[in-house]
C-alpha atoms as a PDB file:
ATOM      1  CA  MET A   1       0.000   0.000   0.000  1.00  0.00           C
ATOM      2  CA  PRO A   2       1.186   3.599  -0.483  1.00  0.00           C
ATOM      3  CA  TRP A   3       3.178   5.456   2.114  1.00  0.00           C
ATOM      4  CA  LEU A   4       3.144   9.137   3.022  1.00  0.00           C
ATOM      5  CA  LEU A   5       5.451  11.370   1.104  1.00  0.00           C
ATOM      6  CA  PHE A   6       6.164  13.998   3.707  1.00  0.00           C
ATOM      7  CA  LEU A   7       7.916  13.795   7.090  1.00  0.00           C
ATOM      8  CA  TRP A   8       9.626  16.309   9.350  1.00  0.00           C
ATOM      9  CA  LEU A   9      13.406  16.749   9.497  1.00  0.00           C
ATOM     10  CA  PHE A  10      13.638  17.929  13.084  1.00  0.00           C
ATOM     11  CA  PRO A  11      17.426  17.772  13.520  1.00  0.00           C
ATOM     12  CA  LEU A  12      18.052  19.533  10.232  1.00  0.00           C
ATOM     13  CA  LEU A  13      15.536  22.237  11.013  1.00  0.00           C
ATOM     14  CA  ALA A  14      17.173  22.948  14.329  1.00  0.00           C
ATOM     15  CA  LEU A  15      20.483  23.518  12.576  1.00  0.00           C
ATOM     16  CA  ALA A  16      19.021  25.484   9.693  1.00  0.00           C
ATOM     17  CA  HIS A  17      17.874  28.475  11.725  1.00  0.00           C
ATOM     18  CA  GLY A  18      16.660  29.439  15.158  1.00  0.00           C
ATOM     19  CA  GLY A  19      13.141  29.444  16.547  1.00  0.00           C
ATOM     20  CA  GLY A  20      11.219  26.447  17.826  1.00  0.00           C
ATOM     21  CA  LEU A  21       8.526  24.786  15.763  1.00  0.00           C
ATOM     22  CA  ASP A  22       4.881  24.928  16.729  1.00  0.00           C
ATOM     23  CA  ALA A  23       2.426  22.010  16.684  1.00  0.00           C
ATOM     24  CA  SER A  24       2.256  22.131  12.889  1.00  0.00           C
ATOM     25  CA  GLY A  25       6.040  22.116  12.492  1.00  0.00           C
ATOM     26  CA  CYS A  26       6.054  25.795  11.531  1.00  0.00           C
ATOM     27  CA  HIS A  27       7.693  28.838  13.069  1.00  0.00           C
ATOM     28  CA  SER A  28       8.408  32.529  12.663  1.00  0.00           C
ATOM     29  CA  ASP A  29      11.796  33.199  11.093  1.00  0.00           C
ATOM     30  CA  ARG A  30      13.039  36.517  12.445  1.00  0.00           C
ATOM     31  CA  ALA A  31      15.866  36.701   9.920  1.00  0.00           C
ATOM     32  CA  ARG A  32      13.509  36.310   6.964  1.00  0.00           C
ATOM     33  CA  GLY A  33      10.607  38.105   8.554  1.00  0.00           C
ATOM     34  CA  ASP A  34       8.029  35.460   7.746  1.00  0.00           C
ATOM     35  CA  TYR A  35       6.218  32.407   9.048  1.00  0.00           C
ATOM     36  CA  HIS A  36       6.777  29.120   7.271  1.00  0.00           C
ATOM     37  CA  CYS A  37       6.804  25.343   7.554  1.00  0.00           C
ATOM     38  CA  HIS A  38       9.151  22.549   6.579  1.00  0.00           C
ATOM     39  CA  ARG A  39       8.897  19.083   5.197  1.00  0.00           C
ATOM     40  CA  GLN A  40      11.318  16.510   3.909  1.00  0.00           C
ATOM     41  CA  GLU A  41      11.816  16.118   0.180  1.00  0.00           C
ATOM     42  CA  SER A  42      10.911  12.594  -0.866  1.00  0.00           C
ATOM     43  CA  THR A  43      12.021  10.447  -3.763  1.00  0.00           C
ATOM     44  CA  ASN A  44       8.724  11.139  -5.493  1.00  0.00           C
ATOM     45  CA  ASP A  45       9.169  14.887  -4.990  1.00  0.00           C
ATOM     46  CA  ARG A  46      12.567  14.829  -6.672  1.00  0.00           C
ATOM     47  CA  ALA A  47      11.279  12.697  -9.515  1.00  0.00           C
ATOM     48  CA  SER A  48       8.342  15.007 -10.170  1.00  0.00           C
ATOM     49  CA  ASN A  49      10.686  17.991 -10.649  1.00  0.00           C
ATOM     50  CA  GLY A  50       8.167  20.500  -9.363  1.00  0.00           C
ATOM     51  CA  ALA A  51       5.022  18.912 -10.735  1.00  0.00           C
ATOM     52  CA  ALA A  52       1.705  20.141  -9.382  1.00  0.00           C
ATOM     53  CA  PRO A  53       0.193  18.383  -6.368  1.00  0.00           C
ATOM     54  CA  ALA A  54      -2.243  15.586  -7.117  1.00  0.00           C
ATOM     55  CA  ALA A  55      -5.107  17.851  -6.091  1.00  0.00           C
ATOM     56  CA  GLN A  56      -4.482  20.129  -9.060  1.00  0.00           C
ATOM     57  CA  THR A  57      -4.663  17.360 -11.631  1.00  0.00           C
ATOM     58  CA  GLY A  58      -7.617  15.346 -10.363  1.00  0.00           C
ATOM     59  CA  GLY A  59     -10.479  16.953 -12.307  1.00  0.00           C
ATOM     60  CA  ARG A  60     -12.364  17.939  -9.153  1.00  0.00           C
ATOM     61  CA  THR A  61     -15.970  19.063  -9.298  1.00  0.00           C
ATOM     62  CA  ILE A  62     -16.342  20.428  -5.718  1.00  0.00           C
ATOM     63  CA  THR A  63     -14.803  23.887  -5.521  1.00  0.00           C
ATOM     64  CA  SER A  64     -16.016  25.495  -2.280  1.00  0.00           C
ATOM     65  CA  PHE A  65     -16.752  24.553   1.325  1.00  0.00           C
ATOM     66  CA  ARG A  66     -20.295  25.857   0.928  1.00  0.00           C
ATOM     67  CA  GLN A  67     -20.858  23.607  -2.062  1.00  0.00           C
ATOM     68  CA  ALA A  68     -19.230  20.685  -0.245  1.00  0.00           C
ATOM     69  CA  LYS A  69     -21.668  20.893   2.671  1.00  0.00           C
ATOM     70  CA  GLN A  70     -24.629  20.800   0.335  1.00  0.00           C
ATOM     71  CA  VAL A  71     -23.254  17.855  -1.639  1.00  0.00           C
ATOM     72  CA  LEU A  72     -22.506  15.902   1.526  1.00  0.00           C
ATOM     73  CA  ARG A  73     -26.051  16.338   2.742  1.00  0.00           C
ATOM     74  CA  GLU A  74     -27.704  15.572  -0.601  1.00  0.00           C
ATOM     75  CA  SER A  75     -25.449  12.888  -2.089  1.00  0.00           C
ATOM     76  CA  VAL A  76     -23.284  11.230   0.572  1.00  0.00           C
ATOM     77  CA  TYR A  77     -25.083  11.234   3.937  1.00  0.00           C
ATOM     78  CA  VAL A  78     -28.429  10.802   2.272  1.00  0.00           C
ATOM     79  CA  THR A  79     -29.536   7.401   3.625  1.00  0.00           C
ATOM     80  CA  PRO A  80     -30.436   6.594   7.254  1.00  0.00           C
ATOM     81  CA  GLU A  81     -27.526   4.220   7.891  1.00  0.00           C
ATOM     82  CA  PHE A  82     -25.112   7.082   7.140  1.00  0.00           C
ATOM     83  CA  GLN A  83     -26.925   9.699   9.186  1.00  0.00           C
ATOM     84  CA  VAL A  84     -24.879   9.292  12.361  1.00  0.00           C
ATOM     85  CA  GLY A  85     -22.339  11.622  13.949  1.00  0.00           C
ATOM     86  CA  PHE A  86     -18.751  10.715  13.129  1.00  0.00           C
ATOM     87  CA  TYR A  87     -17.451  10.874  16.703  1.00  0.00           C
ATOM     88  CA  SER A  88     -20.639  10.270  18.658  1.00  0.00           C
ATOM     89  CA  ASN A  89     -22.569   7.688  16.590  1.00  0.00           C
ATOM     90  CA  CYS A  90     -25.637   9.774  17.389  1.00  0.00           C
ATOM     91  CA  ARG A  91     -28.380   9.479  14.813  1.00  0.00           C
ATOM     92  CA  PHE A  92     -29.372  12.772  13.218  1.00  0.00           C
ATOM     93  CA  VAL A  93     -32.373  13.941  11.209  1.00  0.00           C
ATOM     94  CA  ALA A  94     -33.144  16.877   8.959  1.00  0.00           C
ATOM     95  CA  GLN A  95     -35.393  19.624  10.297  1.00  0.00           C
ATOM     96  CA  GLY A  96     -35.647  22.046   7.423  1.00  0.00           C
ATOM     97  CA  LYS A  97     -32.133  23.213   6.613  1.00  0.00           C
ATOM     98  CA  LYS A  98     -30.839  22.086  10.012  1.00  0.00           C
ATOM     99  CA  LEU A  99     -29.456  18.650  10.862  1.00  0.00           C
ATOM    100  CA  VAL A 100     -30.372  17.726  14.429  1.00  0.00           C
ATOM    101  CA  PRO A 101     -28.695  14.994  16.504  1.00  0.00           C
ATOM    102  CA  GLU A 102     -30.782  12.689  18.674  1.00  0.00           C
ATOM    103  CA  TRP A 103     -28.776  12.690  21.900  1.00  0.00           C
ATOM    104  CA  ALA A 104     -30.651   9.739  23.394  1.00  0.00           C
ATOM    105  CA  SER A 105     -29.531   7.481  20.542  1.00  0.00           C
ATOM    106  CA  CYS A 106     -25.918   7.630  21.731  1.00  0.00           C
ATOM    107  CA  GLY A 107     -26.150   8.782  25.341  1.00  0.00           C
ATOM    108  CA  TYR A 108     -24.773  12.236  24.547  1.00  0.00           C
ATOM    109  CA  ARG A 109     -24.717  14.866  27.280  1.00  0.00           C
ATOM    110  CA  PRO A 110     -23.516  18.408  26.508  1.00  0.00           C
ATOM    111  CA  ARG A 111     -20.356  19.426  28.311  1.00  0.00           C
ATOM    112  CA  LYS A 112     -21.047  23.152  28.240  1.00  0.00           C
ATOM    113  CA  ASN A 113     -22.737  24.358  25.052  1.00  0.00           C
ATOM    114  CA  ALA A 114     -26.146  22.717  24.665  1.00  0.00           C
ATOM    115  CA  ASN A 115     -27.140  25.149  21.913  1.00  0.00           C
ATOM    116  CA  ARG A 116     -24.258  24.176  19.657  1.00  0.00           C
ATOM    117  CA  ALA A 117     -24.692  20.534  20.630  1.00  0.00           C
ATOM    118  CA  SER A 118     -28.220  20.687  19.202  1.00  0.00           C
ATOM    119  CA  ARG A 119     -26.988  20.763  15.593  1.00  0.00           C
ATOM    120  CA  ILE A 120     -24.753  18.785  13.268  1.00  0.00           C
ATOM    121  CA  GLU A 121     -21.819  20.615  11.704  1.00  0.00           C
ATOM    122  CA  TRP A 122     -19.330  19.547   9.039  1.00  0.00           C
ATOM    123  CA  GLU A 123     -16.028  18.848  10.739  1.00  0.00           C
ATOM    124  CA  HIS A 124     -12.646  18.984   8.999  1.00  0.00           C
ATOM    125  CA  VAL A 125     -10.760  15.903  10.230  1.00  0.00           C
ATOM    126  CA  VAL A 126      -7.539  17.662   9.218  1.00  0.00           C
ATOM    127  CA  PRO A 127      -8.383  21.160  10.481  1.00  0.00           C
ATOM    128  CA  ALA A 128      -8.509  24.055   8.033  1.00  0.00           C
ATOM    129  CA  TRP A 129      -6.085  25.768  10.423  1.00  0.00           C
ATOM    130  CA  ALA A 130      -3.535  22.987   9.940  1.00  0.00           C
ATOM    131  CA  ILE A 131      -3.877  23.236   6.164  1.00  0.00           C
ATOM    132  CA  GLY A 132      -3.725  27.025   6.072  1.00  0.00           C
ATOM    133  CA  HIS A 133      -0.780  27.469   8.426  1.00  0.00           C
ATOM    134  CA  GLN A 134       1.407  25.703   5.887  1.00  0.00           C
ATOM    135  CA  ARG A 135       0.512  28.247   3.192  1.00  0.00           C
ATOM    136  CA  GLN A 136       1.475  31.899   2.814  1.00  0.00           C
ATOM    137  CA  CYS A 137      -2.116  33.032   2.284  1.00  0.00           C
ATOM    138  CA  TRP A 138      -2.923  32.363   5.950  1.00  0.00           C
ATOM    139  CA  GLN A 139      -0.211  34.706   7.165  1.00  0.00           C
ATOM    140  CA  ARG A 140      -1.599  37.451   4.945  1.00  0.00           C
ATOM    141  CA  GLY A 141      -5.193  37.291   6.067  1.00  0.00           C
ATOM    142  CA  GLY A 142      -6.171  34.001   7.675  1.00  0.00           C
ATOM    143  CA  ARG A 143      -8.714  31.498   6.461  1.00  0.00           C
ATOM    144  CA  ARG A 144     -10.856  34.012   4.595  1.00  0.00           C
ATOM    145  CA  ASN A 145      -7.897  35.187   2.546  1.00  0.00           C
ATOM    146  CA  CYS A 146      -6.888  31.596   1.772  1.00  0.00           C
ATOM    147  CA  THR A 147     -10.407  30.692   0.668  1.00  0.00           C
ATOM    148  CA  ARG A 148     -10.611  33.689  -1.629  1.00  0.00           C
ATOM    149  CA  ASN A 149      -7.088  33.797  -3.029  1.00  0.00           C
ATOM    150  CA  ASP A 150      -5.484  30.345  -2.797  1.00  0.00           C
ATOM    151  CA  PRO A 151      -7.191  27.818  -5.122  1.00  0.00           C
ATOM    152  CA  LEU A 152      -5.343  24.868  -3.607  1.00  0.00           C
ATOM    153  CA  PHE A 153      -6.430  25.802  -0.076  1.00  0.00           C
ATOM    154  CA  ALA A 154     -10.019  26.285  -1.271  1.00  0.00           C
ATOM    155  CA  MET A 155      -9.921  22.824  -2.819  1.00  0.00           C
ATOM    156  CA  ALA A 156      -8.509  21.279   0.359  1.00  0.00           C
ATOM    157  CA  GLU A 157     -11.084  23.099   2.499  1.00  0.00           C
ATOM    158  CA  ALA A 158     -13.859  21.628   0.343  1.00  0.00           C
ATOM    159  CA  ASP A 159     -12.470  18.108  -0.030  1.00  0.00           C
ATOM    160  CA  LEU A 160     -15.293  15.719   0.852  1.00  0.00           C
ATOM    161  CA  HIS A 161     -12.889  13.013   2.015  1.00  0.00           C
ATOM    162  CA  ASN A 162     -11.874  15.313   4.883  1.00  0.00           C
ATOM    163  CA  LEU A 163     -15.392  16.328   5.964  1.00  0.00           C
ATOM    164  CA  VAL A 164     -17.583  14.405   8.405  1.00  0.00           C
ATOM    165  CA  PRO A 165     -20.826  15.173  10.287  1.00  0.00           C
ATOM    166  CA  ALA A 166     -20.197  15.975  13.945  1.00  0.00           C
ATOM    167  CA  ILE A 167     -22.216  17.291  16.859  1.00  0.00           C
ATOM    168  CA  GLY A 168     -21.485  21.008  16.876  1.00  0.00           C
ATOM    169  CA  GLU A 169     -20.137  21.073  20.426  1.00  0.00           C
ATOM    170  CA  LEU A 170     -17.647  18.308  19.615  1.00  0.00           C
ATOM    171  CA  ASN A 171     -16.583  20.157  16.490  1.00  0.00           C
ATOM    172  CA  GLY A 172     -16.050  23.336  18.492  1.00  0.00           C
ATOM    173  CA  ASP A 173     -14.229  21.643  21.372  1.00  0.00           C
ATOM    174  CA  ARG A 174     -11.968  19.731  19.010  1.00  0.00           C
ATOM    175  CA  SER A 175     -10.953  23.073  17.438  1.00  0.00           C
ATOM    176  CA  ASN A 176      -7.574  22.584  15.744  1.00  0.00           C
ATOM    177  CA  TYR A 177      -6.249  20.287  18.465  1.00  0.00           C
ATOM    178  CA  ARG A 178      -4.140  17.278  17.551  1.00  0.00           C
ATOM    179  CA  PHE A 179      -5.350  13.713  17.973  1.00  0.00           C
ATOM    180  CA  MET A 180      -3.654  11.468  20.519  1.00  0.00           C
ATOM    181  CA  GLU A 181      -4.195   8.742  23.100  1.00  0.00           C
ATOM    182  CA  PHE A 182      -4.089   9.818  26.732  1.00  0.00           C
ATOM    183  CA  GLY A 183      -2.931   6.454  28.055  1.00  0.00           C
ATOM    184  CA  SER A 184      -3.489   5.285  31.619  1.00  0.00           C
ATOM    185  CA  GLY A 185      -4.290   8.820  32.751  1.00  0.00           C
ATOM    186  CA  GLY A 186      -7.151   9.180  30.299  1.00  0.00           C
ATOM    187  CA  GLY A 187      -9.160   6.723  28.311  1.00  0.00           C
ATOM    188  CA  TYR A 188     -12.810   5.813  28.482  1.00  0.00           C
ATOM    189  CA  PRO A 189     -15.364   6.132  29.777  1.00  0.00           C
ATOM    190  CA  SER A 190     -14.516   9.738  30.621  1.00  0.00           C
ATOM    191  CA  GLY A 191     -18.062  11.034  31.046  1.00  0.00           C
ATOM    192  CA  GLN A 192     -17.023  14.359  29.519  1.00  0.00           C
ATOM    193  CA  TYR A 193     -19.813  14.057  26.939  1.00  0.00           C
ATOM    194  CA  GLY A 194     -21.997  11.493  28.631  1.00  0.00           C
ATOM    195  CA  ALA A 195     -21.591   8.023  27.130  1.00  0.00           C
ATOM    196  CA  VAL A 196     -19.808   9.276  24.004  1.00  0.00           C
ATOM    197  CA  GLU A 197     -16.202   8.158  23.551  1.00  0.00           C
ATOM    198  CA  PHE A 198     -14.656  11.567  23.009  1.00  0.00           C
ATOM    199  CA  ARG A 199     -12.263  13.306  25.334  1.00  0.00           C
ATOM    200  CA  VAL A 200     -10.647  16.746  25.132  1.00  0.00           C
ATOM    201  CA  ASP A 201      -7.646  17.902  27.139  1.00  0.00           C
ATOM    202  CA  PHE A 202      -7.796  21.665  26.789  1.00  0.00           C
ATOM    203  CA  LYS A 203      -4.458  22.206  28.535  1.00  0.00           C
ATOM    204  CA  GLN A 204      -2.625  19.875  26.162  1.00  0.00           C
ATOM    205  CA  ARG A 205      -4.724  21.082  23.215  1.00  0.00           C
ATOM    206  CA  ALA A 206      -5.351  17.443  22.350  1.00  0.00           C
ATOM    207  CA  VAL A 207      -8.289  15.148  21.594  1.00  0.00           C
ATOM    208  CA  GLU A 208      -8.707  11.414  22.093  1.00  0.00           C
ATOM    209  CA  PRO A 209     -11.240  10.216  19.484  1.00  0.00           C
ATOM    210  CA  PRO A 210     -13.443   7.125  19.794  1.00  0.00           C
ATOM    211  CA  ARG A 211     -11.707   3.846  19.042  1.00  0.00           C
ATOM    212  CA  HIS A 212     -14.030   2.948  16.170  1.00  0.00           C
ATOM    213  CA  ARG A 213     -13.015   6.104  14.239  1.00  0.00           C
ATOM    214  CA  ARG A 214      -9.256   6.055  14.686  1.00  0.00           C
ATOM    215  CA  GLY A 215      -8.496   4.192  11.470  1.00  0.00           C
ATOM    216  CA  ASP A 216     -10.808   6.534   9.532  1.00  0.00           C
ATOM    217  CA  ILE A 217      -8.927   9.507  10.966  1.00  0.00           C
ATOM    218  CA  ALA A 218      -5.550   8.026  10.101  1.00  0.00           C
ATOM    219  CA  ARG A 219      -6.488   7.306   6.497  1.00  0.00           C
ATOM    220  CA  THR A 220      -7.919  10.807   6.108  1.00  0.00           C
ATOM    221  CA  TYR A 221      -4.664  12.333   7.330  1.00  0.00           C
ATOM    222  CA  PHE A 222      -2.639  10.110   4.994  1.00  0.00           C
ATOM    223  CA  TYR A 223      -4.786  11.159   2.055  1.00  0.00           C
ATOM    224  CA  MET A 224      -4.743  14.874   2.844  1.00  0.00           C
ATOM    225  CA  ALA A 225      -0.994  14.920   3.445  1.00  0.00           C
ATOM    226  CA  GLU A 226      -0.257  13.229   0.150  1.00  0.00           C
ATOM    227  CA  THR A 227      -2.842  15.100  -1.899  1.00  0.00           C
ATOM    228  CA  TYR A 228      -2.076  18.608  -0.641  1.00  0.00           C
ATOM    229  CA  GLU A 229       1.599  18.274   0.310  1.00  0.00           C
ATOM    230  CA  LEU A 230       0.936  18.715   4.016  1.00  0.00           C
ATOM    231  CA  ALA A 231       3.483  17.872   6.668  1.00  0.00           C
ATOM    232  CA  ILE A 232       2.724  15.458   9.502  1.00  0.00           C
ATOM    233  CA  SER A 233       4.972  15.151  12.531  1.00  0.00           C
ATOM    234  CA  ARG A 234       6.795  11.882  13.100  1.00  0.00           C
ATOM    235  CA  ALA A 235       4.905  11.289  16.343  1.00  0.00           C
ATOM    236  CA  GLN A 236       1.523  11.770  14.677  1.00  0.00           C
ATOM    237  CA  LEU A 237       2.501   9.607  11.716  1.00  0.00           C
ATOM    238  CA  LYS A 238       3.585   6.787  14.011  1.00  0.00           C
ATOM    239  CA  LEU A 239       0.312   6.995  15.932  1.00  0.00           C
ATOM    240  CA  PHE A 240      -1.761   7.043  12.748  1.00  0.00           C
ATOM    241  CA  GLU A 241       0.004   3.980  11.393  1.00  0.00           C
ATOM    242  CA  VAL A 242      -0.995   2.121  14.570  1.00  0.00           C
ATOM    243  CA  TRP A 243      -4.583   3.357  14.247  1.00  0.00           C
ATOM    244  CA  HIS A 244      -4.700   2.387  10.569  1.00  0.00           C
ATOM    245  CA  ARG A 245      -3.706  -1.191  11.370  1.00  0.00           C
ATOM    246  CA  GLY A 246      -5.842  -1.475  14.496  1.00  0.00           C
ATOM    247  CA  ASP A 247      -9.043  -0.123  12.932  1.00  0.00           C
ATOM    248  CA  PRO A 248      -9.068  -1.393   9.326  1.00  0.00           C
ATOM    249  CA  VAL A 249     -11.346  -0.230   6.524  1.00  0.00           C
ATOM    250  CA  ASP A 250     -14.920  -1.492   6.937  1.00  0.00           C
ATOM    251  CA  PRO A 251     -17.806  -1.722   4.425  1.00  0.00           C
ATOM    252  CA  ALA A 252     -19.331   1.598   5.529  1.00  0.00           C
ATOM    253  CA  GLU A 253     -16.034   3.395   4.911  1.00  0.00           C
ATOM    254  CA  CYS A 254     -15.833   1.804   1.451  1.00  0.00           C
ATOM    255  CA  GLU A 255     -19.351   2.924   0.592  1.00  0.00           C
ATOM    256  CA  ARG A 256     -18.662   6.462   1.808  1.00  0.00           C
ATOM    257  CA  ASP A 257     -15.552   6.588  -0.375  1.00  0.00           C
ATOM    258  CA  ARG A 258     -17.521   5.394  -3.415  1.00  0.00           C
ATOM    259  CA  ARG A 259     -20.238   7.984  -2.863  1.00  0.00           C
ATOM    260  CA  ILE A 260     -17.675  10.743  -2.551  1.00  0.00           C
ATOM    261  CA  ALA A 261     -15.806   9.609  -5.668  1.00  0.00           C
ATOM    262  CA  ALA A 262     -19.073   9.628  -7.613  1.00  0.00           C
ATOM    263  CA  VAL A 263     -19.605  13.349  -6.960  1.00  0.00           C
ATOM    264  CA  GLN A 264     -16.060  14.662  -6.374  1.00  0.00           C
ATOM    265  CA  GLY A 265     -14.212  12.587  -8.950  1.00  0.00           C
ATOM    266  CA  ASN A 266     -11.507  10.900  -6.860  1.00  0.00           C
ATOM    267  CA  HIS A 267     -11.047   8.159  -4.258  1.00  0.00           C
ATOM    268  CA  ASN A 268      -9.014   8.090  -1.080  1.00  0.00           C
ATOM    269  CA  PRO A 269      -6.441   5.443  -2.111  1.00  0.00           C
ATOM    270  CA  TYR A 270      -5.836   4.450   1.503  1.00  0.00           C
ATOM    271  CA  VAL A 271      -9.492   3.414   1.698  1.00  0.00           C
ATOM    272  CA  ILE A 272     -10.369   2.102  -1.743  1.00  0.00           C
ATOM    273  CA  SER A 273      -7.315  -0.175  -1.889  1.00  0.00           C
ATOM    274  CA  ALA A 274      -8.937  -2.252   0.883  1.00  0.00           C
ATOM    275  CA  CYS A 275     -12.406  -2.359  -0.722  1.00  0.00           C
ATOM    276  CA  ARG A 276     -13.717  -5.039  -3.057  1.00  0.00           C
END
């Protein structure tokens, strides 16, 4: 199966110039007066000799986040068996233009924001923040500037493979935090959101997702990193490889991939390679 193309070169970066890296492997370079990120050049990068990322040559049909949300609702999560929250497994139903989760179906209990928990939102598994902070457009005007002026960012922001339905409170609490396992000091059941297997450590800026979604998350990160030339830290990559093996592709994930490919024009190779 394919492997990720991009890894960090921590020792080399430390020697290259001063300033510690943030959670995305980026930093402010005082000498150059900018903010930028680093990734290792791979064999495929050298062979391509500057070729465009795969995202630019895939014949995509979804071009905006607004369009993506509509397509997801009308073409992907359109049947009852798919109408469940990604993290919570809560069933949800349409009430006009709003998608409403049924808390009782999964034992959900709001942590703090019951109003936001009363709706389904479209969550970026790889946060838009993580995508944007590796591009110059973000430093010049944030997400809005990237959406308007960086076609590759706009395509990544709207990529259906990276979007899942989530209870709004979970989407908000996850923010742009990294995924991890909390070990013996964390784990489940935490009770933070009732019976839902989802835990946020706000001090560490980290999230422990439910066990049944960890492989899905890993394969989404692999796809996004390869498609949009995003960097992933060595620690995250190692964790995702474990999650990928421990939570393999299931029939529902295959069907979701097929539905997305039918409307967006491309598969996630880390999923479809395991589907019959």
